[in-house]
N, C-alpha and C. Protein backbone atom coordinates (compact mmCIF):
# COMPACT_ATOMS: atom_id res chain seq x y z
N MET A 1 153.78 61.44 167.40
CA MET A 1 154.94 61.49 166.51
C MET A 1 155.70 62.79 166.71
N THR A 2 156.98 62.71 166.86
CA THR A 2 157.81 63.90 167.01
C THR A 2 158.43 64.26 165.68
N THR A 3 158.35 65.53 165.30
CA THR A 3 158.95 65.98 164.06
C THR A 3 160.00 67.03 164.36
N SER A 4 160.88 67.25 163.37
CA SER A 4 161.93 68.25 163.56
C SER A 4 161.82 69.35 162.52
N VAL A 5 160.61 69.56 162.04
CA VAL A 5 160.41 70.59 161.03
C VAL A 5 160.62 71.96 161.63
N ILE A 6 161.30 72.80 160.90
CA ILE A 6 161.52 74.18 161.33
C ILE A 6 160.64 75.08 160.48
N ILE A 7 159.84 75.89 161.15
CA ILE A 7 159.00 76.85 160.44
C ILE A 7 159.71 78.20 160.45
N VAL A 8 159.85 78.76 159.27
CA VAL A 8 160.44 80.09 159.16
C VAL A 8 159.33 81.11 159.30
N GLY A 9 159.40 81.88 160.40
CA GLY A 9 158.32 82.82 160.67
C GLY A 9 157.21 82.11 161.41
N ARG A 10 156.56 82.80 162.31
CA ARG A 10 155.58 82.14 163.15
C ARG A 10 154.16 82.54 162.83
N ILE A 11 153.94 83.80 162.58
CA ILE A 11 152.58 84.23 162.28
C ILE A 11 152.58 84.91 160.91
N ALA A 12 151.63 84.51 160.10
CA ALA A 12 151.50 85.12 158.78
C ALA A 12 150.90 86.51 158.95
N LEU A 13 151.55 87.50 158.36
CA LEU A 13 151.07 88.87 158.49
C LEU A 13 149.95 89.12 157.49
N VAL A 14 148.93 89.81 157.93
CA VAL A 14 147.80 90.12 157.06
C VAL A 14 148.21 91.16 156.03
N ALA A 15 147.86 90.90 154.78
CA ALA A 15 148.25 91.82 153.72
C ALA A 15 147.42 93.10 153.74
N CYS A 16 146.19 93.01 154.25
CA CYS A 16 145.32 94.19 154.26
C CYS A 16 145.86 95.26 155.19
N ALA A 17 145.86 96.47 154.74
CA ALA A 17 146.30 97.57 155.58
C ALA A 17 145.10 98.24 156.23
N ILE A 18 145.33 98.85 157.38
CA ILE A 18 144.31 99.69 157.99
C ILE A 18 144.09 100.88 157.07
N VAL A 19 142.86 101.15 156.71
CA VAL A 19 142.56 102.23 155.78
C VAL A 19 142.34 103.52 156.56
N ALA A 20 143.16 104.50 156.28
CA ALA A 20 143.05 105.78 156.97
C ALA A 20 141.85 106.56 156.45
N GLY A 21 141.08 107.06 157.37
CA GLY A 21 139.94 107.90 157.00
C GLY A 21 140.34 109.37 157.01
N SER A 22 139.36 110.20 157.21
CA SER A 22 139.62 111.64 157.19
C SER A 22 139.77 112.20 158.60
N HIS A 23 139.90 111.31 159.60
CA HIS A 23 139.96 111.77 160.99
C HIS A 23 141.23 112.57 161.24
N ALA A 24 141.08 113.76 161.71
CA ALA A 24 142.23 114.62 161.99
C ALA A 24 143.09 114.00 163.09
N GLY A 25 144.38 114.06 162.89
CA GLY A 25 145.31 113.59 163.91
C GLY A 25 145.44 112.08 164.02
N MET A 26 144.84 111.34 163.08
CA MET A 26 144.86 109.88 163.17
C MET A 26 145.95 109.24 162.33
N ALA A 27 146.65 110.02 161.52
CA ALA A 27 147.61 109.44 160.58
C ALA A 27 148.68 108.62 161.29
N ASP A 28 149.20 109.14 162.40
CA ASP A 28 150.25 108.43 163.13
C ASP A 28 149.74 107.11 163.71
N ILE A 29 148.50 107.10 164.17
CA ILE A 29 147.92 105.88 164.74
C ILE A 29 147.78 104.82 163.67
N TYR A 30 147.26 105.21 162.49
CA TYR A 30 147.14 104.25 161.40
C TYR A 30 148.51 103.71 161.00
N GLU A 31 149.48 104.60 160.92
CA GLU A 31 150.83 104.18 160.53
C GLU A 31 151.41 103.21 161.55
N ASP A 32 151.25 103.52 162.84
CA ASP A 32 151.78 102.65 163.89
C ASP A 32 151.15 101.26 163.83
N CYS A 33 149.85 101.21 163.63
CA CYS A 33 149.15 99.92 163.60
C CYS A 33 149.54 99.12 162.37
N ASN A 34 149.79 99.80 161.24
CA ASN A 34 150.11 99.09 160.00
C ASN A 34 151.53 98.56 159.94
N GLN A 35 152.48 99.27 160.55
CA GLN A 35 153.88 98.85 160.41
C GLN A 35 154.11 97.54 161.17
N THR A 36 155.13 96.79 160.75
CA THR A 36 155.37 95.47 161.33
C THR A 36 156.77 95.31 161.94
N SER A 37 157.59 96.34 161.88
CA SER A 37 158.97 96.18 162.36
C SER A 37 159.09 96.27 163.88
N ASP A 38 158.17 96.94 164.53
CA ASP A 38 158.23 97.18 165.98
C ASP A 38 156.93 96.71 166.62
N PRO A 39 156.92 95.53 167.25
CA PRO A 39 155.67 95.02 167.84
C PRO A 39 155.05 95.97 168.86
N GLY A 40 155.88 96.62 169.67
CA GLY A 40 155.35 97.53 170.67
C GLY A 40 154.61 98.69 170.04
N ARG A 41 155.16 99.20 168.97
CA ARG A 41 154.52 100.30 168.26
C ARG A 41 153.20 99.84 167.62
N THR A 42 153.21 98.62 167.07
CA THR A 42 151.98 98.07 166.50
C THR A 42 150.90 97.95 167.57
N ILE A 43 151.27 97.40 168.71
CA ILE A 43 150.31 97.22 169.80
C ILE A 43 149.74 98.57 170.24
N ARG A 44 150.61 99.55 170.37
CA ARG A 44 150.16 100.87 170.81
C ARG A 44 149.20 101.49 169.79
N GLY A 45 149.59 101.46 168.51
CA GLY A 45 148.76 102.07 167.49
C GLY A 45 147.42 101.36 167.31
N CYS A 46 147.46 100.03 167.27
CA CYS A 46 146.21 99.29 167.09
C CYS A 46 145.30 99.43 168.30
N SER A 47 145.89 99.50 169.49
CA SER A 47 145.07 99.70 170.69
C SER A 47 144.37 101.05 170.65
N GLN A 48 145.08 102.08 170.21
CA GLN A 48 144.46 103.40 170.10
C GLN A 48 143.34 103.39 169.07
N LEU A 49 143.58 102.70 167.97
CA LEU A 49 142.55 102.62 166.94
C LEU A 49 141.32 101.87 167.46
N LEU A 50 141.55 100.74 168.13
CA LEU A 50 140.43 99.94 168.63
C LEU A 50 139.65 100.67 169.72
N ALA A 51 140.32 101.55 170.43
CA ALA A 51 139.63 102.32 171.48
C ALA A 51 138.58 103.25 170.90
N ARG A 52 138.64 103.50 169.62
CA ARG A 52 137.66 104.35 168.96
C ARG A 52 136.33 103.62 168.73
N GLY A 53 136.34 102.30 168.92
CA GLY A 53 135.11 101.52 168.79
C GLY A 53 134.48 101.63 167.42
N ALA A 54 133.17 101.79 167.40
CA ALA A 54 132.42 101.80 166.15
C ALA A 54 132.73 103.00 165.26
N SER A 55 133.50 103.97 165.77
CA SER A 55 133.93 105.08 164.92
C SER A 55 134.78 104.58 163.76
N GLU A 56 135.43 103.45 163.99
CA GLU A 56 136.17 102.79 162.92
C GLU A 56 135.27 101.74 162.27
N GLY A 57 135.45 101.54 160.98
CA GLY A 57 134.67 100.52 160.28
C GLY A 57 135.05 99.12 160.71
N ILE A 58 134.19 98.16 160.39
CA ILE A 58 134.43 96.77 160.77
C ILE A 58 135.74 96.26 160.17
N GLY A 59 136.01 96.62 158.92
CA GLY A 59 137.24 96.16 158.27
C GLY A 59 138.48 96.63 159.00
N ASN A 60 138.50 97.91 159.38
CA ASN A 60 139.65 98.45 160.11
C ASN A 60 139.81 97.78 161.47
N ARG A 61 138.70 97.58 162.18
CA ARG A 61 138.80 96.96 163.50
C ARG A 61 139.25 95.50 163.39
N GLN A 62 138.71 94.79 162.39
CA GLN A 62 139.12 93.40 162.22
C GLN A 62 140.61 93.30 161.93
N ASN A 63 141.09 94.14 161.02
CA ASN A 63 142.52 94.13 160.70
C ASN A 63 143.37 94.55 161.90
N ALA A 64 142.88 95.50 162.68
CA ALA A 64 143.63 95.96 163.85
C ALA A 64 143.76 94.84 164.88
N PHE A 65 142.69 94.07 165.08
CA PHE A 65 142.78 92.94 166.02
C PHE A 65 143.80 91.92 165.53
N VAL A 66 143.80 91.63 164.23
CA VAL A 66 144.75 90.64 163.70
C VAL A 66 146.17 91.17 163.81
N LYS A 67 146.38 92.42 163.45
CA LYS A 67 147.73 92.98 163.50
C LYS A 67 148.24 93.04 164.94
N ARG A 68 147.37 93.42 165.87
CA ARG A 68 147.81 93.44 167.28
C ARG A 68 148.05 92.02 167.78
N GLY A 69 147.20 91.08 167.36
CA GLY A 69 147.44 89.68 167.72
C GLY A 69 148.77 89.19 167.21
N ASN A 70 149.12 89.54 165.96
CA ASN A 70 150.42 89.17 165.41
C ASN A 70 151.55 89.73 166.28
N ALA A 71 151.40 90.99 166.67
CA ALA A 71 152.44 91.64 167.47
C ALA A 71 152.58 90.97 168.84
N TYR A 72 151.44 90.64 169.47
CA TYR A 72 151.51 89.94 170.76
C TYR A 72 152.19 88.59 170.60
N GLU A 73 151.88 87.90 169.51
CA GLU A 73 152.51 86.59 169.29
C GLU A 73 154.02 86.74 169.15
N ARG A 74 154.46 87.79 168.45
CA ARG A 74 155.89 87.99 168.21
C ARG A 74 156.67 88.19 169.50
N ILE A 75 156.00 88.75 170.52
CA ILE A 75 156.70 88.96 171.80
C ILE A 75 156.37 87.86 172.81
N GLY A 76 155.73 86.78 172.32
CA GLY A 76 155.47 85.64 173.18
C GLY A 76 154.26 85.77 174.07
N ARG A 77 153.40 86.77 173.85
CA ARG A 77 152.20 86.93 174.67
C ARG A 77 151.03 86.23 173.98
N TYR A 78 151.11 84.92 173.95
CA TYR A 78 150.07 84.13 173.30
C TYR A 78 148.72 84.29 174.00
N ASP A 79 148.76 84.54 175.30
CA ASP A 79 147.52 84.73 176.06
C ASP A 79 146.76 85.97 175.61
N LEU A 80 147.48 86.95 175.06
CA LEU A 80 146.83 88.15 174.55
C LEU A 80 146.56 88.05 173.05
N ALA A 81 147.37 87.27 172.34
CA ALA A 81 147.14 87.09 170.90
C ALA A 81 145.84 86.36 170.63
N LEU A 82 145.56 85.31 171.41
CA LEU A 82 144.36 84.51 171.14
C LEU A 82 143.07 85.32 171.19
N PRO A 83 142.83 86.12 172.24
CA PRO A 83 141.57 86.88 172.24
C PRO A 83 141.49 87.91 171.12
N ASP A 84 142.63 88.44 170.68
CA ASP A 84 142.58 89.37 169.55
C ASP A 84 142.15 88.65 168.27
N PHE A 85 142.72 87.48 168.02
CA PHE A 85 142.31 86.74 166.82
C PHE A 85 140.83 86.34 166.92
N SER A 86 140.40 85.97 168.12
CA SER A 86 138.98 85.61 168.30
C SER A 86 138.08 86.81 168.07
N SER A 87 138.50 87.98 168.50
CA SER A 87 137.72 89.20 168.26
C SER A 87 137.63 89.50 166.77
N ALA A 88 138.75 89.29 166.07
CA ALA A 88 138.75 89.50 164.62
C ALA A 88 137.77 88.55 163.94
N ILE A 89 137.72 87.31 164.40
CA ILE A 89 136.80 86.32 163.83
C ILE A 89 135.36 86.70 164.08
N ARG A 90 135.06 87.20 165.27
CA ARG A 90 133.69 87.62 165.56
C ARG A 90 133.25 88.77 164.66
N LEU A 91 134.17 89.67 164.35
CA LEU A 91 133.84 90.80 163.49
C LEU A 91 133.67 90.39 162.03
N ALA A 92 134.48 89.44 161.58
CA ALA A 92 134.45 89.04 160.17
C ALA A 92 134.69 87.52 160.08
N PRO A 93 133.66 86.73 160.37
CA PRO A 93 133.83 85.28 160.41
C PRO A 93 134.12 84.62 159.07
N ASP A 94 134.04 85.39 157.99
CA ASP A 94 134.32 84.82 156.67
C ASP A 94 135.73 85.12 156.20
N GLN A 95 136.58 85.68 157.06
CA GLN A 95 137.96 86.00 156.69
C GLN A 95 138.90 84.91 157.22
N PRO A 96 139.62 84.21 156.35
CA PRO A 96 140.41 83.05 156.78
C PRO A 96 141.66 83.37 157.58
N GLN A 97 142.23 84.58 157.40
CA GLN A 97 143.54 84.84 158.01
C GLN A 97 143.51 84.76 159.52
N ALA A 98 142.46 85.25 160.15
CA ALA A 98 142.41 85.23 161.61
C ALA A 98 142.33 83.79 162.12
N TYR A 99 141.59 82.92 161.41
CA TYR A 99 141.54 81.51 161.79
C TYR A 99 142.92 80.88 161.68
N PHE A 100 143.61 81.19 160.58
CA PHE A 100 144.94 80.63 160.38
C PHE A 100 145.90 81.09 161.47
N ASN A 101 145.89 82.38 161.76
CA ASN A 101 146.81 82.90 162.78
C ASN A 101 146.48 82.38 164.17
N ARG A 102 145.19 82.27 164.47
CA ARG A 102 144.81 81.71 165.76
C ARG A 102 145.23 80.24 165.84
N GLY A 103 145.10 79.53 164.71
CA GLY A 103 145.56 78.14 164.68
C GLY A 103 147.04 78.02 164.96
N LEU A 104 147.83 78.93 164.39
CA LEU A 104 149.28 78.92 164.66
C LEU A 104 149.56 79.15 166.14
N THR A 105 148.82 80.05 166.74
CA THR A 105 149.04 80.33 168.16
C THR A 105 148.64 79.13 169.01
N TYR A 106 147.52 78.49 168.68
CA TYR A 106 147.15 77.26 169.40
C TYR A 106 148.26 76.21 169.27
N ARG A 107 148.86 76.13 168.07
CA ARG A 107 149.95 75.16 167.88
C ARG A 107 151.12 75.46 168.81
N LEU A 108 151.46 76.73 168.90
CA LEU A 108 152.58 77.12 169.76
C LEU A 108 152.28 76.82 171.22
N LEU A 109 151.01 76.79 171.58
CA LEU A 109 150.61 76.47 172.95
C LEU A 109 150.40 74.97 173.15
N GLY A 110 150.56 74.18 172.09
CA GLY A 110 150.36 72.74 172.19
C GLY A 110 148.91 72.33 172.19
N ARG A 111 148.02 73.21 171.82
CA ARG A 111 146.58 72.91 171.78
C ARG A 111 146.23 72.46 170.36
N ASN A 112 146.65 71.24 170.05
CA ASN A 112 146.60 70.77 168.67
C ASN A 112 145.19 70.58 168.13
N ALA A 113 144.27 70.08 168.95
CA ALA A 113 142.91 69.88 168.46
C ALA A 113 142.28 71.20 168.05
N ALA A 114 142.49 72.25 168.87
CA ALA A 114 141.96 73.57 168.54
C ALA A 114 142.64 74.12 167.29
N ALA A 115 143.94 73.87 167.15
CA ALA A 115 144.67 74.34 165.97
C ALA A 115 144.12 73.69 164.70
N ILE A 116 143.90 72.37 164.75
CA ILE A 116 143.37 71.67 163.58
C ILE A 116 142.00 72.23 163.19
N LYS A 117 141.18 72.51 164.18
CA LYS A 117 139.85 73.07 163.90
C LYS A 117 139.96 74.41 163.19
N ASP A 118 140.88 75.27 163.64
CA ASP A 118 141.04 76.57 162.99
C ASP A 118 141.64 76.44 161.60
N PHE A 119 142.64 75.58 161.44
CA PHE A 119 143.21 75.39 160.10
C PHE A 119 142.15 74.84 159.15
N SER A 120 141.29 73.96 159.65
CA SER A 120 140.22 73.41 158.82
C SER A 120 139.26 74.50 158.36
N ARG A 121 138.95 75.42 159.27
CA ARG A 121 138.07 76.52 158.89
C ARG A 121 138.74 77.43 157.87
N ALA A 122 140.03 77.69 158.06
CA ALA A 122 140.77 78.51 157.10
C ALA A 122 140.77 77.85 155.72
N ILE A 123 140.91 76.52 155.69
CA ILE A 123 140.91 75.79 154.42
C ILE A 123 139.53 75.85 153.78
N PHE A 124 138.49 75.74 154.58
CA PHE A 124 137.12 75.84 154.04
C PHE A 124 136.92 77.19 153.36
N LEU A 125 137.43 78.24 153.98
CA LEU A 125 137.26 79.59 153.44
C LEU A 125 138.22 79.90 152.31
N ARG A 126 139.38 79.24 152.31
CA ARG A 126 140.40 79.51 151.29
C ARG A 126 141.03 78.17 150.90
N PRO A 127 140.33 77.37 150.08
CA PRO A 127 140.74 75.98 149.83
C PRO A 127 142.11 75.82 149.18
N ARG A 128 142.56 76.81 148.47
CA ARG A 128 143.82 76.67 147.72
C ARG A 128 145.01 77.29 148.47
N ASP A 129 144.88 77.44 149.76
CA ASP A 129 145.97 78.01 150.55
C ASP A 129 146.91 76.90 151.01
N ALA A 130 148.10 76.85 150.44
CA ALA A 130 149.05 75.79 150.77
C ALA A 130 149.48 75.85 152.23
N SER A 131 149.60 77.05 152.78
CA SER A 131 150.08 77.19 154.16
C SER A 131 149.12 76.55 155.16
N SER A 132 147.82 76.70 154.92
CA SER A 132 146.85 76.10 155.85
C SER A 132 146.90 74.58 155.77
N HIS A 133 147.01 74.05 154.57
CA HIS A 133 147.13 72.59 154.42
C HIS A 133 148.42 72.09 155.09
N PHE A 134 149.50 72.84 154.91
CA PHE A 134 150.77 72.44 155.51
C PHE A 134 150.68 72.42 157.03
N MET A 135 150.13 73.49 157.59
CA MET A 135 150.08 73.57 159.04
C MET A 135 149.12 72.53 159.63
N ARG A 136 148.01 72.27 158.95
CA ARG A 136 147.12 71.23 159.45
C ARG A 136 147.80 69.87 159.34
N GLY A 137 148.53 69.66 158.22
CA GLY A 137 149.25 68.41 158.07
C GLY A 137 150.31 68.22 159.14
N MET A 138 151.05 69.27 159.44
CA MET A 138 152.06 69.19 160.49
C MET A 138 151.42 68.84 161.84
N THR A 139 150.31 69.51 162.14
CA THR A 139 149.66 69.27 163.43
C THR A 139 149.11 67.86 163.51
N GLN A 140 148.55 67.37 162.41
CA GLN A 140 148.05 66.00 162.39
C GLN A 140 149.19 65.00 162.55
N ALA A 141 150.35 65.30 161.95
CA ALA A 141 151.51 64.43 162.12
C ALA A 141 151.93 64.37 163.58
N MET A 142 151.92 65.50 164.23
CA MET A 142 152.30 65.54 165.63
C MET A 142 151.27 64.85 166.53
N GLN A 143 150.04 64.74 166.04
CA GLN A 143 148.99 64.02 166.74
C GLN A 143 149.05 62.51 166.46
N GLY A 144 149.90 62.11 165.51
CA GLY A 144 150.03 60.70 165.18
C GLY A 144 149.08 60.22 164.11
N ASP A 145 148.38 61.14 163.44
CA ASP A 145 147.44 60.77 162.38
C ASP A 145 148.17 60.85 161.04
N ALA A 146 148.91 59.80 160.72
CA ALA A 146 149.79 59.83 159.56
C ALA A 146 149.04 60.00 158.24
N GLU A 147 147.96 59.27 158.06
CA GLU A 147 147.26 59.33 156.78
C GLU A 147 146.64 60.71 156.54
N ALA A 148 146.03 61.29 157.56
CA ALA A 148 145.48 62.64 157.41
C ALA A 148 146.59 63.64 157.13
N ALA A 149 147.72 63.47 157.82
CA ALA A 149 148.86 64.36 157.60
C ALA A 149 149.35 64.26 156.16
N LEU A 150 149.49 63.03 155.67
CA LEU A 150 149.98 62.84 154.30
C LEU A 150 149.04 63.46 153.28
N ALA A 151 147.74 63.35 153.51
CA ALA A 151 146.78 63.94 152.58
C ALA A 151 146.94 65.46 152.52
N ASP A 152 147.07 66.09 153.68
CA ASP A 152 147.23 67.55 153.70
C ASP A 152 148.58 67.99 153.14
N LEU A 153 149.63 67.29 153.48
CA LEU A 153 150.95 67.67 152.98
C LEU A 153 151.03 67.49 151.47
N SER A 154 150.42 66.44 150.96
CA SER A 154 150.40 66.24 149.51
C SER A 154 149.62 67.35 148.83
N ARG A 155 148.52 67.79 149.45
CA ARG A 155 147.76 68.89 148.88
C ARG A 155 148.56 70.18 148.91
N ALA A 156 149.29 70.42 149.99
CA ALA A 156 150.13 71.61 150.07
C ALA A 156 151.18 71.60 148.96
N ILE A 157 151.76 70.44 148.70
CA ILE A 157 152.78 70.32 147.65
C ILE A 157 152.16 70.51 146.27
N GLU A 158 150.95 69.99 146.10
CA GLU A 158 150.23 70.19 144.83
C GLU A 158 149.99 71.67 144.57
N LEU A 159 149.62 72.40 145.61
CA LEU A 159 149.33 73.82 145.47
C LEU A 159 150.60 74.66 145.37
N ALA A 160 151.67 74.20 145.99
CA ALA A 160 152.95 74.94 145.99
C ALA A 160 154.07 73.93 145.80
N PRO A 161 154.35 73.54 144.56
CA PRO A 161 155.30 72.44 144.30
C PRO A 161 156.70 72.66 144.88
N GLY A 162 157.09 73.88 145.10
CA GLY A 162 158.41 74.14 145.67
C GLY A 162 158.40 74.26 147.18
N HIS A 163 157.35 73.80 147.84
CA HIS A 163 157.21 73.92 149.30
C HIS A 163 158.14 72.90 149.96
N VAL A 164 159.37 73.32 150.23
CA VAL A 164 160.41 72.42 150.71
C VAL A 164 160.03 71.80 152.05
N GLU A 165 159.49 72.58 152.96
CA GLU A 165 159.17 72.03 154.29
C GLU A 165 158.03 71.01 154.23
N ALA A 166 157.08 71.22 153.32
CA ALA A 166 156.02 70.22 153.16
C ALA A 166 156.60 68.93 152.61
N LEU A 167 157.49 69.03 151.65
CA LEU A 167 158.15 67.84 151.12
C LEU A 167 158.96 67.12 152.18
N TYR A 168 159.70 67.90 152.97
CA TYR A 168 160.52 67.29 154.02
C TYR A 168 159.66 66.61 155.07
N LEU A 169 158.60 67.28 155.50
CA LEU A 169 157.74 66.68 156.52
C LEU A 169 157.03 65.45 155.98
N ARG A 170 156.59 65.49 154.72
CA ARG A 170 155.97 64.29 154.15
C ARG A 170 156.96 63.14 154.13
N GLY A 171 158.22 63.46 153.83
CA GLY A 171 159.25 62.42 153.89
C GLY A 171 159.41 61.86 155.28
N LEU A 172 159.37 62.73 156.30
CA LEU A 172 159.47 62.25 157.68
C LEU A 172 158.31 61.32 158.04
N VAL A 173 157.10 61.72 157.65
CA VAL A 173 155.93 60.89 157.97
C VAL A 173 156.03 59.55 157.26
N ARG A 174 156.41 59.57 155.99
CA ARG A 174 156.54 58.32 155.25
C ARG A 174 157.63 57.43 155.84
N LYS A 175 158.72 58.02 156.24
CA LYS A 175 159.80 57.26 156.89
C LYS A 175 159.29 56.64 158.18
N ARG A 176 158.52 57.41 158.93
CA ARG A 176 158.02 56.95 160.23
C ARG A 176 157.10 55.73 160.09
N ILE A 177 156.33 55.67 159.01
CA ILE A 177 155.38 54.55 158.85
C ILE A 177 155.91 53.47 157.90
N GLY A 178 157.20 53.55 157.58
CA GLY A 178 157.85 52.47 156.83
C GLY A 178 157.75 52.55 155.32
N ARG A 179 157.38 53.68 154.78
CA ARG A 179 157.31 53.82 153.32
C ARG A 179 158.64 54.39 152.83
N ARG A 180 159.63 53.52 152.85
CA ARG A 180 161.02 53.94 152.64
C ARG A 180 161.24 54.58 151.27
N LYS A 181 160.80 53.93 150.20
CA LYS A 181 161.05 54.45 148.86
C LYS A 181 160.40 55.82 148.66
N GLN A 182 159.19 55.96 149.16
CA GLN A 182 158.52 57.25 149.03
C GLN A 182 159.22 58.33 149.85
N ALA A 183 159.68 57.96 151.03
CA ALA A 183 160.41 58.92 151.87
C ALA A 183 161.68 59.37 151.18
N ILE A 184 162.40 58.42 150.61
CA ILE A 184 163.64 58.77 149.89
C ILE A 184 163.32 59.74 148.75
N ALA A 185 162.26 59.44 148.01
CA ALA A 185 161.89 60.32 146.89
C ALA A 185 161.60 61.73 147.38
N ASP A 186 160.91 61.86 148.52
CA ASP A 186 160.63 63.19 149.05
C ASP A 186 161.90 63.92 149.46
N PHE A 187 162.78 63.25 150.16
CA PHE A 187 164.02 63.90 150.59
C PHE A 187 164.88 64.28 149.39
N GLN A 188 164.88 63.45 148.36
CA GLN A 188 165.65 63.78 147.16
C GLN A 188 165.04 64.99 146.45
N THR A 189 163.72 65.09 146.45
CA THR A 189 163.08 66.26 145.84
C THR A 189 163.39 67.52 146.64
N VAL A 190 163.46 67.38 147.96
CA VAL A 190 163.87 68.52 148.78
C VAL A 190 165.23 69.03 148.32
N LEU A 191 166.16 68.10 148.12
CA LEU A 191 167.52 68.50 147.73
C LEU A 191 167.58 69.10 146.33
N LYS A 192 166.67 68.70 145.46
CA LYS A 192 166.62 69.33 144.14
C LYS A 192 166.24 70.80 144.27
N ASN A 193 165.38 71.09 145.23
CA ASN A 193 164.96 72.47 145.45
C ASN A 193 165.93 73.25 146.33
N ASP A 194 166.59 72.53 147.24
CA ASP A 194 167.52 73.17 148.19
C ASP A 194 168.68 72.20 148.43
N PRO A 195 169.72 72.26 147.60
CA PRO A 195 170.84 71.30 147.70
C PRO A 195 171.55 71.32 149.05
N ASN A 196 171.39 72.37 149.82
CA ASN A 196 172.08 72.48 151.12
C ASN A 196 171.17 72.16 152.30
N HIS A 197 170.05 71.52 152.04
CA HIS A 197 169.10 71.19 153.11
C HIS A 197 169.69 70.08 153.98
N ALA A 198 170.31 70.48 155.10
CA ALA A 198 171.07 69.53 155.92
C ALA A 198 170.21 68.42 156.51
N ARG A 199 168.97 68.76 156.88
CA ARG A 199 168.11 67.75 157.50
C ARG A 199 167.73 66.66 156.51
N ALA A 200 167.45 67.05 155.26
CA ALA A 200 167.13 66.05 154.24
C ALA A 200 168.35 65.18 153.94
N LEU A 201 169.52 65.79 153.89
CA LEU A 201 170.75 65.02 153.69
C LEU A 201 170.93 64.00 154.81
N GLY A 202 170.70 64.44 156.03
CA GLY A 202 170.83 63.54 157.17
C GLY A 202 169.87 62.37 157.11
N LYS A 203 168.61 62.64 156.71
CA LYS A 203 167.63 61.55 156.64
C LYS A 203 167.98 60.56 155.53
N LEU A 204 168.51 61.04 154.41
CA LEU A 204 168.93 60.12 153.36
C LEU A 204 170.08 59.23 153.82
N ARG A 205 170.99 59.80 154.58
CA ARG A 205 172.07 58.98 155.13
C ARG A 205 171.51 57.92 156.09
N GLU A 206 170.54 58.31 156.91
CA GLU A 206 169.90 57.36 157.81
C GLU A 206 169.26 56.21 157.05
N LEU A 207 168.74 56.51 155.87
CA LEU A 207 168.08 55.50 155.05
C LEU A 207 169.05 54.74 154.16
N GLY A 208 170.34 55.00 154.31
CA GLY A 208 171.36 54.26 153.58
C GLY A 208 171.53 54.66 152.15
N VAL A 209 171.15 55.90 151.82
CA VAL A 209 171.27 56.37 150.44
C VAL A 209 172.65 56.99 150.25
N ALA A 210 173.36 56.53 149.23
CA ALA A 210 174.69 57.06 148.93
C ALA A 210 174.54 58.45 148.34
N LEU A 211 175.30 59.39 148.85
CA LEU A 211 175.21 60.78 148.39
C LEU A 211 176.48 61.19 147.66
């Protein structure tokens, strides 16, 4: 199934900051790794931090791998982002963000089965995360598994009722499998949340709904 959903932003940034210790001369490195406006600066700072090895705590190293992976993804270096997210997972396998971000990168590479596996793990670790349900639902839709996609998208909407893209994608899936009335309801709900949502307007016109 082909979808036309647009995702705003590609990789979710980790909220945890690298915690600066008492190491002399390290303040600039911590700052570079933590900032998100300049991917090159993030890569440089996190690489310097990671080069310290076990001198840094597990939490700092795990966050540095995720932050550097985010930066690599932003510049299109998915081949370098994936091993960083995997390293973060090895250091802290109970942290969902690295699974989620690695899943997003697999999606960008078209490796949908691997993406679904990572989103599933993220959901197991953080069951009420709407973004993980949405992304797994999107990937399942693209794999042609409509019922699994609908279940995840409905859960994402339950967790985040104003999730316009989840509503729109659920409408697309329902339209694709012939559930016209339900699709119309989803597109109309999209417009209640975002009256200028051009794609939802277009789908309603396709379905013969007078606007």
